[in-house]
Amino acid sequence: MLEPHYLFTYGTLQEVEIQLQLFGKIIKGKEDTLIGYKIAEEKYQGIYPMLFNSKNRNDSIKGKIYKLSYSELEKADNYEGPDYKRIKVTLASGTKAWVYVGK
């Protein structure tokens, strides 16, 4: 069996409509926190939030972590598009997860 992939989300991937459109189901997530990151004041296309590494441990982003298959993770990659990149981070819970940050 393949390892699950964990994805930390802080925006539209938490929305039921987006999950149904992308994955064909609602994915239940767990609350978690990403430390040392902030949401940029400027949003992508004026709508979508983008994270950046502030390198300040006092900064944090609350979000949800989802367990995805590799094919679901690829669907999320396609949804996020070329202006975001997926990087591996360690969350406050100790879970290692992917997260999308601005390029």
PDB file of N, CA and C in Angstrom:
ATOM      1  N   MET A   1       0.840  -1.191   0.000  1.00  0.00           N
ATOM      2  CA  MET A   1       0.000   0.000   0.000  1.00  0.00           C
ATOM      3  C   MET A   1       0.886   1.256   0.000  1.00  0.00           C
ATOM      4  N   LEU A   2       0.480   2.242  -0.752  1.00  0.00           N
ATOM      5  CA  LEU A   2       1.243   3.475  -0.842  1.00  0.00           C
ATOM      6  C   LEU A   2       1.020   4.336   0.396  1.00  0.00           C
ATOM      7  N   GLU A   3       2.064   5.077   0.752  1.00  0.00           N
ATOM      8  CA  GLU A   3       1.969   5.991   1.900  1.00  0.00           C
ATOM      9  C   GLU A   3       0.965   7.097   1.606  1.00  0.00           C
ATOM     10  N   PRO A   4       0.211   7.513   2.619  1.00  0.00           N
ATOM     11  CA  PRO A   4      -0.674   8.670   2.405  1.00  0.00           C
ATOM     12  C   PRO A   4       0.150   9.951   2.351  1.00  0.00           C
ATOM     13  N   HIS A   5      -0.409  10.940   1.726  1.00  0.00           N
ATOM     14  CA  HIS A   5       0.223  12.257   1.654  1.00  0.00           C
ATOM     15  C   HIS A   5      -0.613  13.209   2.489  1.00  0.00           C
ATOM     16  N   TYR A   6       0.037  14.007   3.311  1.00  0.00           N
ATOM     17  CA  TYR A   6      -0.673  14.986   4.132  1.00  0.00           C
ATOM     18  C   TYR A   6      -0.514  16.353   3.496  1.00  0.00           C
ATOM     19  N   LEU A   7      -1.613  17.070   3.418  1.00  0.00           N
ATOM     20  CA  LEU A   7      -1.627  18.400   2.814  1.00  0.00           C
ATOM     21  C   LEU A   7      -2.224  19.386   3.804  1.00  0.00           C
ATOM     22  N   PHE A   8      -1.454  20.420   4.134  1.00  0.00           N
ATOM     23  CA  PHE A   8      -1.929  21.490   5.007  1.00  0.00           C
ATOM     24  C   PHE A   8      -2.584  22.546   4.127  1.00  0.00           C
ATOM     25  N   THR A   9      -3.811  22.921   4.472  1.00  0.00           N
ATOM     26  CA  THR A   9      -4.555  23.903   3.680  1.00  0.00           C
ATOM     27  C   THR A   9      -4.943  25.095   4.537  1.00  0.00           C
ATOM     28  N   TYR A  10      -5.054  26.237   3.885  1.00  0.00           N
ATOM     29  CA  TYR A  10      -5.371  27.478   4.598  1.00  0.00           C
ATOM     30  C   TYR A  10      -6.339  28.342   3.802  1.00  0.00           C
ATOM     31  N   GLY A  11      -6.897  27.792   2.728  1.00  0.00           N
ATOM     32  CA  GLY A  11      -7.766  28.599   1.863  1.00  0.00           C
ATOM     33  C   GLY A  11      -8.840  27.770   1.183  1.00  0.00           C
ATOM     34  N   THR A  12      -8.919  27.913  -0.126  1.00  0.00           N
ATOM     35  CA  THR A  12     -10.042  27.351  -0.879  1.00  0.00           C
ATOM     36  C   THR A  12     -10.121  25.830  -0.862  1.00  0.00           C
ATOM     37  N   LEU A  13      -9.018  25.136  -0.620  1.00  0.00           N
ATOM     38  CA  LEU A  13      -9.080  23.670  -0.580  1.00  0.00           C
ATOM     39  C   LEU A  13      -9.866  23.157   0.625  1.00  0.00           C
ATOM     40  N   GLN A  14     -10.238  24.047   1.533  1.00  0.00           N
ATOM     41  CA  GLN A  14     -11.088  23.666   2.663  1.00  0.00           C
ATOM     42  C   GLN A  14     -12.574  23.754   2.292  1.00  0.00           C
ATOM     43  N   GLU A  15     -12.882  24.403   1.181  1.00  0.00           N
ATOM     44  CA  GLU A  15     -14.281  24.613   0.794  1.00  0.00           C
ATOM     45  C   GLU A  15     -14.894  23.334   0.228  1.00  0.00           C
ATOM     46  N   VAL A  16     -16.101  23.018   0.706  1.00  0.00           N
ATOM     47  CA  VAL A  16     -16.804  21.801   0.297  1.00  0.00           C
ATOM     48  C   VAL A  16     -16.974  21.747  -1.224  1.00  0.00           C
ATOM     49  N   GLU A  17     -17.366  22.853  -1.844  1.00  0.00           N
ATOM     50  CA  GLU A  17     -17.605  22.874  -3.289  1.00  0.00           C
ATOM     51  C   GLU A  17     -16.329  22.550  -4.060  1.00  0.00           C
ATOM     52  N   ILE A  18     -15.201  23.080  -3.611  1.00  0.00           N
ATOM     53  CA  ILE A  18     -13.923  22.831  -4.275  1.00  0.00           C
ATOM     54  C   ILE A  18     -13.521  21.368  -4.105  1.00  0.00           C
ATOM     55  N   GLN A  19     -13.691  20.833  -2.903  1.00  0.00           N
ATOM     56  CA  GLN A  19     -13.353  19.421  -2.668  1.00  0.00           C
ATOM     57  C   GLN A  19     -14.201  18.504  -3.534  1.00  0.00           C
ATOM     58  N   LEU A  20     -15.487  18.782  -3.625  1.00  0.00           N
ATOM     59  CA  LEU A  20     -16.364  17.954  -4.459  1.00  0.00           C
ATOM     60  C   LEU A  20     -15.947  18.035  -5.927  1.00  0.00           C
ATOM     61  N   GLN A  21     -15.605  19.225  -6.378  1.00  0.00           N
ATOM     62  CA  GLN A  21     -15.189  19.425  -7.764  1.00  0.00           C
ATOM     63  C   GLN A  21     -13.867  18.693  -8.048  1.00  0.00           C
ATOM     64  N   LEU A  22     -12.908  18.800  -7.145  1.00  0.00           N
ATOM     65  CA  LEU A  22     -11.584  18.214  -7.372  1.00  0.00           C
ATOM     66  C   LEU A  22     -11.517  16.715  -7.098  1.00  0.00           C
ATOM     67  N   PHE A  23     -12.047  16.316  -5.955  1.00  0.00           N
ATOM     68  CA  PHE A  23     -11.863  14.947  -5.474  1.00  0.00           C
ATOM     69  C   PHE A  23     -13.111  14.079  -5.589  1.00  0.00           C
ATOM     70  N   GLY A  24     -14.254  14.707  -5.871  1.00  0.00           N
ATOM     71  CA  GLY A  24     -15.506  13.953  -5.961  1.00  0.00           C
ATOM     72  C   GLY A  24     -16.046  13.523  -4.614  1.00  0.00           C
ATOM     73  N   LYS A  25     -15.500  14.117  -3.537  1.00  0.00           N
ATOM     74  CA  LYS A  25     -15.950  13.784  -2.180  1.00  0.00           C
ATOM     75  C   LYS A  25     -15.519  14.893  -1.235  1.00  0.00           C
ATOM     76  N   ILE A  26     -16.089  14.862  -0.046  1.00  0.00           N
ATOM     77  CA  ILE A  26     -15.682  15.788   1.013  1.00  0.00           C
ATOM     78  C   ILE A  26     -14.640  15.074   1.859  1.00  0.00           C
ATOM     79  N   ILE A  27     -13.535  15.750   2.098  1.00  0.00           N
ATOM     80  CA  ILE A  27     -12.454  15.179   2.890  1.00  0.00           C
ATOM     81  C   ILE A  27     -12.457  15.850   4.255  1.00  0.00           C
ATOM     82  N   LYS A  28     -12.528  15.038   5.283  1.00  0.00           N
ATOM     83  CA  LYS A  28     -12.498  15.572   6.643  1.00  0.00           C
ATOM     84  C   LYS A  28     -11.050  15.836   7.031  1.00  0.00           C
ATOM     85  N   GLY A  29     -10.823  17.015   7.555  1.00  0.00           N
ATOM     86  CA  GLY A  29      -9.476  17.383   7.962  1.00  0.00           C
ATOM     87  C   GLY A  29      -9.367  17.583   9.460  1.00  0.00           C
ATOM     88  N   LYS A  30      -8.135  17.720   9.913  1.00  0.00           N
ATOM     89  CA  LYS A  30      -7.864  18.013  11.318  1.00  0.00           C
ATOM     90  C   LYS A  30      -7.233  19.389  11.405  1.00  0.00           C
ATOM     91  N   GLU A  31      -7.573  20.107  12.463  1.00  0.00           N
ATOM     92  CA  GLU A  31      -6.973  21.425  12.705  1.00  0.00           C
ATOM     93  C   GLU A  31      -5.486  21.251  13.015  1.00  0.00           C
ATOM     94  N   ASP A  32      -4.685  22.159  12.490  1.00  0.00           N
ATOM     95  CA  ASP A  32      -3.251  22.168  12.788  1.00  0.00           C
ATOM     96  C   ASP A  32      -2.734  23.582  12.533  1.00  0.00           C
ATOM     97  N   THR A  33      -1.476  23.814  12.839  1.00  0.00           N
ATOM     98  CA  THR A  33      -0.886  25.144  12.706  1.00  0.00           C
ATOM     99  C   THR A  33       0.475  25.034  12.044  1.00  0.00           C
ATOM    100  N   LEU A  34       0.743  25.972  11.146  1.00  0.00           N
ATOM    101  CA  LEU A  34       2.037  26.084  10.494  1.00  0.00           C
ATOM    102  C   LEU A  34       2.764  27.273  11.112  1.00  0.00           C
ATOM    103  N   ILE A  35       3.888  27.005  11.746  1.00  0.00           N
ATOM    104  CA  ILE A  35       4.644  28.038  12.464  1.00  0.00           C
ATOM    105  C   ILE A  35       5.747  28.599  11.570  1.00  0.00           C
ATOM    106  N   GLY A  36       5.950  29.926  11.672  1.00  0.00           N
ATOM    107  CA  GLY A  36       7.020  30.577  10.928  1.00  0.00           C
ATOM    108  C   GLY A  36       6.604  31.058   9.548  1.00  0.00           C
ATOM    109  N   TYR A  37       5.309  31.063   9.295  1.00  0.00           N
ATOM    110  CA  TYR A  37       4.773  31.515   8.004  1.00  0.00           C
ATOM    111  C   TYR A  37       3.694  32.551   8.229  1.00  0.00           C
ATOM    112  N   LYS A  38       3.501  33.379   7.214  1.00  0.00           N
ATOM    113  CA  LYS A  38       2.435  34.388   7.232  1.00  0.00           C
ATOM    114  C   LYS A  38       1.711  34.364   5.890  1.00  0.00           C
ATOM    115  N   ILE A  39       0.495  34.904   5.892  1.00  0.00           N
ATOM    116  CA  ILE A  39      -0.229  35.094   4.648  1.00  0.00           C
ATOM    117  C   ILE A  39       0.158  36.459   4.104  1.00  0.00           C
ATOM    118  N   ALA A  40       0.563  36.498   2.839  1.00  0.00           N
ATOM    119  CA  ALA A  40       0.971  37.747   2.204  1.00  0.00           C
ATOM    120  C   ALA A  40      -0.207  38.704   2.132  1.00  0.00           C
ATOM    121  N   GLU A  41       0.085  40.000   2.277  1.00  0.00           N
ATOM    122  CA  GLU A  41      -0.980  41.007   2.165  1.00  0.00           C
ATOM    123  C   GLU A  41      -1.554  41.044   0.761  1.00  0.00           C
ATOM    124  N   GLU A  42      -0.684  40.891  -0.234  1.00  0.00           N
ATOM    125  CA  GLU A  42      -1.146  40.872  -1.620  1.00  0.00           C
ATOM    126  C   GLU A  42      -1.620  39.468  -1.970  1.00  0.00           C
ATOM    127  N   LYS A  43      -2.816  39.372  -2.530  1.00  0.00           N
ATOM    128  CA  LYS A  43      -3.375  38.073  -2.883  1.00  0.00           C
ATOM    129  C   LYS A  43      -3.199  37.796  -4.369  1.00  0.00           C
ATOM    130  N   TYR A  44      -3.050  36.517  -4.688  1.00  0.00           N
ATOM    131  CA  TYR A  44      -2.936  36.102  -6.079  1.00  0.00           C
ATOM    132  C   TYR A  44      -4.245  36.405  -6.798  1.00  0.00           C
ATOM    133  N   GLN A  45      -4.167  37.092  -7.925  1.00  0.00           N
ATOM    134  CA  GLN A  45      -5.324  37.528  -8.714  1.00  0.00           C
ATOM    135  C   GLN A  45      -6.294  38.353  -7.865  1.00  0.00           C
ATOM    136  N   GLY A  46      -5.774  38.943  -6.781  1.00  0.00           N
ATOM    137  CA  GLY A  46      -6.592  39.780  -5.917  1.00  0.00           C
ATOM    138  C   GLY A  46      -7.579  39.016  -5.056  1.00  0.00           C
ATOM    139  N   ILE A  47      -7.530  37.661  -5.105  1.00  0.00           N
ATOM    140  CA  ILE A  47      -8.531  36.841  -4.413  1.00  0.00           C
ATOM    141  C   ILE A  47      -7.905  35.797  -3.493  1.00  0.00           C
ATOM    142  N   TYR A  48      -6.897  35.085  -4.005  1.00  0.00           N
ATOM    143  CA  TYR A  48      -6.417  33.881  -3.331  1.00  0.00           C
ATOM    144  C   TYR A  48      -5.226  34.176  -2.420  1.00  0.00           C
ATOM    145  N   PRO A  49      -5.264  33.677  -1.173  1.00  0.00           N
ATOM    146  CA  PRO A  49      -4.158  33.921  -0.244  1.00  0.00           C
ATOM    147  C   PRO A  49      -2.903  33.151  -0.643  1.00  0.00           C
ATOM    148  N   MET A  50      -1.765  33.737  -0.313  1.00  0.00           N
ATOM    149  CA  MET A  50      -0.472  33.086  -0.560  1.00  0.00           C
ATOM    150  C   MET A  50       0.359  33.160   0.709  1.00  0.00           C
ATOM    151  N   LEU A  51       0.996  32.063   1.039  1.00  0.00           N
ATOM    152  CA  LEU A  51       1.864  32.006   2.212  1.00  0.00           C
ATOM    153  C   LEU A  51       3.293  32.363   1.835  1.00  0.00           C
ATOM    154  N   PHE A  52       4.031  32.836   2.825  1.00  0.00           N
ATOM    155  CA  PHE A  52       5.471  32.974   2.670  1.00  0.00           C
ATOM    156  C   PHE A  52       6.134  32.683   4.002  1.00  0.00           C
ATOM    157  N   ASN A  53       7.356  32.227   3.929  1.00  0.00           N
ATOM    158  CA  ASN A  53       8.121  31.894   5.119  1.00  0.00           C
ATOM    159  C   ASN A  53       8.668  33.186   5.712  1.00  0.00           C
ATOM    160  N   SER A  54       8.144  33.573   6.871  1.00  0.00           N
ATOM    161  CA  SER A  54       8.578  34.810   7.532  1.00  0.00           C
ATOM    162  C   SER A  54       9.842  34.584   8.365  1.00  0.00           C
ATOM    163  N   LYS A  55      10.156  33.315   8.617  1.00  0.00           N
ATOM    164  CA  LYS A  55      11.300  32.929   9.450  1.00  0.00           C
ATOM    165  C   LYS A  55      11.163  33.446  10.886  1.00  0.00           C
ATOM    166  N   ASN A  56       9.949  33.805  11.273  1.00  0.00           N
ATOM    167  CA  ASN A  56       9.677  34.294  12.626  1.00  0.00           C
ATOM    168  C   ASN A  56       8.780  33.274  13.323  1.00  0.00           C
ATOM    169  N   ARG A  57       9.278  32.642  14.371  1.00  0.00           N
ATOM    170  CA  ARG A  57       8.521  31.590  15.067  1.00  0.00           C
ATOM    171  C   ARG A  57       7.268  32.134  15.753  1.00  0.00           C
ATOM    172  N   ASN A  58       7.142  33.453  15.862  1.00  0.00           N
ATOM    173  CA  ASN A  58       5.932  34.032  16.443  1.00  0.00           C
ATOM    174  C   ASN A  58       4.792  34.118  15.425  1.00  0.00           C
ATOM    175  N   ASP A  59       5.110  33.957  14.151  1.00  0.00           N
ATOM    176  CA  ASP A  59       4.085  33.969  13.104  1.00  0.00           C
ATOM    177  C   ASP A  59       3.537  32.559  12.928  1.00  0.00           C
ATOM    178  N   SER A  60       2.247  32.465  12.668  1.00  0.00           N
ATOM    179  CA  SER A  60       1.669  31.140  12.435  1.00  0.00           C
ATOM    180  C   SER A  60       0.385  31.262  11.620  1.00  0.00           C
ATOM    181  N   ILE A  61       0.044  30.168  10.971  1.00  0.00           N
ATOM    182  CA  ILE A  61      -1.165  30.065  10.162  1.00  0.00           C
ATOM    183  C   ILE A  61      -1.963  28.882  10.681  1.00  0.00           C
ATOM    184  N   LYS A  62      -3.201  29.125  11.018  1.00  0.00           N
ATOM    185  CA  LYS A  62      -4.098  28.034  11.406  1.00  0.00           C
ATOM    186  C   LYS A  62      -4.754  27.511  10.137  1.00  0.00           C
ATOM    187  N   GLY A  63      -4.886  26.199  10.060  1.00  0.00           N
ATOM    188  CA  GLY A  63      -5.494  25.591   8.888  1.00  0.00           C
ATOM    189  C   GLY A  63      -5.920  24.171   9.185  1.00  0.00           C
ATOM    190  N   LYS A  64      -6.082  23.411   8.119  1.00  0.00           N
ATOM    191  CA  LYS A  64      -6.477  22.004   8.254  1.00  0.00           C
ATOM    192  C   LYS A  64      -5.516  21.132   7.480  1.00  0.00           C
ATOM    193  N   ILE A  65      -5.345  19.932   8.002  1.00  0.00           N
ATOM    194  CA  ILE A  65      -4.504  18.950   7.338  1.00  0.00           C
ATOM    195  C   ILE A  65      -5.400  17.826   6.826  1.00  0.00           C
ATOM    196  N   TYR A  66      -5.151  17.446   5.587  1.00  0.00           N
ATOM    197  CA  TYR A  66      -5.931  16.389   4.936  1.00  0.00           C
ATOM    198  C   TYR A  66      -5.009  15.252   4.528  1.00  0.00           C
ATOM    199  N   LYS A  67      -5.532  14.032   4.639  1.00  0.00           N
ATOM    200  CA  LYS A  67      -4.814  12.842   4.186  1.00  0.00           C
ATOM    201  C   LYS A  67      -5.304  12.539   2.774  1.00  0.00           C
ATOM    202  N   LEU A  68      -4.380  12.577   1.794  1.00  0.00           N
ATOM    203  CA  LEU A  68      -4.740  12.395   0.389  1.00  0.00           C
ATOM    204  C   LEU A  68      -3.944  11.258  -0.234  1.00  0.00           C
ATOM    205  N   SER A  69      -4.510  10.680  -1.275  1.00  0.00           N
ATOM    206  CA  SER A  69      -3.760   9.730  -2.100  1.00  0.00           C
ATOM    207  C   SER A  69      -2.864  10.536  -3.033  1.00  0.00           C
ATOM    208  N   TYR A  70      -1.938   9.864  -3.700  1.00  0.00           N
ATOM    209  CA  TYR A  70      -1.061  10.569  -4.632  1.00  0.00           C
ATOM    210  C   TYR A  70      -1.876  11.187  -5.773  1.00  0.00           C
ATOM    211  N   SER A  71      -2.871  10.483  -6.280  1.00  0.00           N
ATOM    212  CA  SER A  71      -3.675  11.033  -7.386  1.00  0.00           C
ATOM    213  C   SER A  71      -4.481  12.246  -6.917  1.00  0.00           C
ATOM    214  N   GLU A  72      -4.942  12.247  -5.671  1.00  0.00           N
ATOM    215  CA  GLU A  72      -5.642  13.424  -5.138  1.00  0.00           C
ATOM    216  C   GLU A  72      -4.674  14.598  -4.983  1.00  0.00           C
ATOM    217  N   LEU A  73      -3.450  14.309  -4.564  1.00  0.00           N
ATOM    218  CA  LEU A  73      -2.446  15.353  -4.434  1.00  0.00           C
ATOM    219  C   LEU A  73      -2.133  15.963  -5.804  1.00  0.00           C
ATOM    220  N   GLU A  74      -2.057  15.131  -6.840  1.00  0.00           N
ATOM    221  CA  GLU A  74      -1.837  15.642  -8.200  1.00  0.00           C
ATOM    222  C   GLU A  74      -2.992  16.544  -8.642  1.00  0.00           C
ATOM    223  N   LYS A  75      -4.219  16.177  -8.272  1.00  0.00           N
ATOM    224  CA  LYS A  75      -5.380  17.020  -8.600  1.00  0.00           C
ATOM    225  C   LYS A  75      -5.272  18.374  -7.904  1.00  0.00           C
ATOM    226  N   ALA A  76      -4.811  18.368  -6.659  1.00  0.00           N
ATOM    227  CA  ALA A  76      -4.615  19.622  -5.929  1.00  0.00           C
ATOM    228  C   ALA A  76      -3.513  20.450  -6.603  1.00  0.00           C
ATOM    229  N   ASP A  77      -2.444  19.797  -7.069  1.00  0.00           N
ATOM    230  CA  ASP A  77      -1.369  20.501  -7.789  1.00  0.00           C
ATOM    231  C   ASP A  77      -1.930  21.216  -9.016  1.00  0.00           C
ATOM    232  N   ASN A  78      -2.736  20.506  -9.785  1.00  0.00           N
ATOM    233  CA  ASN A  78      -3.328  21.090 -10.991  1.00  0.00           C
ATOM    234  C   ASN A  78      -4.246  22.254 -10.647  1.00  0.00           C
ATOM    235  N   TYR A  79      -4.992  22.119  -9.570  1.00  0.00           N
ATOM    236  CA  TYR A  79      -5.897  23.181  -9.131  1.00  0.00           C
ATOM    237  C   TYR A  79      -5.111  24.432  -8.735  1.00  0.00           C
ATOM    238  N   GLU A  80      -4.038  24.256  -7.993  1.00  0.00           N
ATOM    239  CA  GLU A  80      -3.257  25.403  -7.508  1.00  0.00           C
ATOM    240  C   GLU A  80      -2.539  26.123  -8.646  1.00  0.00           C
ATOM    241  N   GLY A  81      -2.126  25.400  -9.655  1.00  0.00           N
ATOM    242  CA  GLY A  81      -1.551  26.031 -10.833  1.00  0.00           C
ATOM    243  C   GLY A  81      -0.100  26.442 -10.684  1.00  0.00           C
ATOM    244  N   PRO A  82       0.433  27.127 -11.721  1.00  0.00           N
ATOM    245  CA  PRO A  82       1.866  27.413 -11.789  1.00  0.00           C
ATOM    246  C   PRO A  82       2.363  28.537 -10.879  1.00  0.00           C
ATOM    247  N   ASP A  83       1.484  29.297 -10.262  1.00  0.00           N
ATOM    248  CA  ASP A  83       1.928  30.389  -9.396  1.00  0.00           C
ATOM    249  C   ASP A  83       2.145  29.962  -7.954  1.00  0.00           C
ATOM    250  N   TYR A  84       1.853  28.697  -7.672  1.00  0.00           N
ATOM    251  CA  TYR A  84       2.098  28.134  -6.349  1.00  0.00           C
ATOM    252  C   TYR A  84       3.063  26.968  -6.496  1.00  0.00           C
ATOM    253  N   LYS A  85       3.860  26.748  -5.459  1.00  0.00           N
ATOM    254  CA  LYS A  85       4.693  25.552  -5.427  1.00  0.00           C
ATOM    255  C   LYS A  85       4.380  24.792  -4.146  1.00  0.00           C
ATOM    256  N   ARG A  86       4.527  23.487  -4.207  1.00  0.00           N
ATOM    257  CA  ARG A  86       4.254  22.620  -3.061  1.00  0.00           C
ATOM    258  C   ARG A  86       5.573  22.307  -2.390  1.00  0.00           C
ATOM    259  N   ILE A  87       5.627  22.598  -1.070  1.00  0.00           N
ATOM    260  CA  ILE A  87       6.832  22.308  -0.299  1.00  0.00           C
ATOM    261  C   ILE A  87       6.459  21.470   0.925  1.00  0.00           C
ATOM    262  N   LYS A  88       7.445  20.782   1.484  1.00  0.00           N
ATOM    263  CA  LYS A  88       7.236  19.955   2.673  1.00  0.00           C
ATOM    264  C   LYS A  88       7.560  20.787   3.911  1.00  0.00           C
ATOM    265  N   VAL A  89       6.665  20.737   4.904  1.00  0.00           N
ATOM    266  CA  VAL A  89       6.850  21.465   6.159  1.00  0.00           C
ATOM    267  C   VAL A  89       6.535  20.537   7.326  1.00  0.00           C
ATOM    268  N   THR A  90       6.936  20.951   8.514  1.00  0.00           N
ATOM    269  CA  THR A  90       6.553  20.247   9.733  1.00  0.00           C
ATOM    270  C   THR A  90       5.598  21.154  10.494  1.00  0.00           C
ATOM    271  N   LEU A  91       4.420  20.632  10.807  1.00  0.00           N
ATOM    272  CA  LEU A  91       3.384  21.404  11.485  1.00  0.00           C
ATOM    273  C   LEU A  91       3.581  21.384  12.996  1.00  0.00           C
ATOM    274  N   ALA A  92       2.831  22.201  13.701  1.00  0.00           N
ATOM    275  CA  ALA A  92       2.929  22.288  15.158  1.00  0.00           C
ATOM    276  C   ALA A  92       2.707  20.927  15.823  1.00  0.00           C
ATOM    277  N   SER A  93       1.856  20.089  15.208  1.00  0.00           N
ATOM    278  CA  SER A  93       1.575  18.756  15.748  1.00  0.00           C
ATOM    279  C   SER A  93       2.736  17.790  15.554  1.00  0.00           C
ATOM    280  N   GLY A  94       3.728  18.184  14.726  1.00  0.00           N
ATOM    281  CA  GLY A  94       4.840  17.296  14.402  1.00  0.00           C
ATOM    282  C   GLY A  94       4.624  16.559  13.085  1.00  0.00           C
ATOM    283  N   THR A  95       3.444  16.669  12.509  1.00  0.00           N
ATOM    284  CA  THR A  95       3.142  16.016  11.237  1.00  0.00           C
ATOM    285  C   THR A  95       3.896  16.694  10.105  1.00  0.00           C
ATOM    286  N   LYS A  96       4.501  15.882   9.253  1.00  0.00           N
ATOM    287  CA  LYS A  96       5.143  16.409   8.050  1.00  0.00           C
ATOM    288  C   LYS A  96       4.088  16.429   6.951  1.00  0.00           C
ATOM    289  N   ALA A  97       3.940  17.589   6.315  1.00  0.00           N
ATOM    290  CA  ALA A  97       2.875  17.759   5.340  1.00  0.00           C
ATOM    291  C   ALA A  97       3.348  18.647   4.195  1.00  0.00           C
ATOM    292  N   TRP A  98       2.654  18.540   3.083  1.00  0.00           N
ATOM    293  CA  TRP A  98       2.851  19.457   1.969  1.00  0.00           C
ATOM    294  C   TRP A  98       2.023  20.707   2.214  1.00  0.00           C
ATOM    295  N   VAL A  99       2.479  21.818   1.669  1.00  0.00           N
ATOM    296  CA  VAL A  99       1.714  23.067   1.706  1.00  0.00           C
ATOM    297  C   VAL A  99       2.056  23.839   0.438  1.00  0.00           C
ATOM    298  N   TYR A 100       1.094  24.615  -0.045  1.00  0.00           N
ATOM    299  CA  TYR A 100       1.322  25.453  -1.233  1.00  0.00           C
ATOM    300  C   TYR A 100       1.704  26.853  -0.798  1.00  0.00           C
ATOM    301  N   VAL A 101       2.815  27.334  -1.350  1.00  0.00           N
ATOM    302  CA  VAL A 101       3.277  28.693  -1.095  1.00  0.00           C
ATOM    303  C   VAL A 101       3.408  29.405  -2.435  1.00  0.00           C
ATOM    304  N   GLY A 102       3.421  30.723  -2.404  1.00  0.00           N
ATOM    305  CA  GLY A 102       3.594  31.489  -3.630  1.00  0.00           C
ATOM    306  C   GLY A 102       5.009  31.344  -4.171  1.00  0.00           C
ATOM    307  N   LYS A 103       5.118  31.377  -5.483  1.00  0.00           N
ATOM    308  CA  LYS A 103       6.449  31.283  -6.119  1.00  0.00           C
ATOM    309  C   LYS A 103       7.154  32.611  -6.077  1.00  0.00           C
TER     310      LYS A 103
END
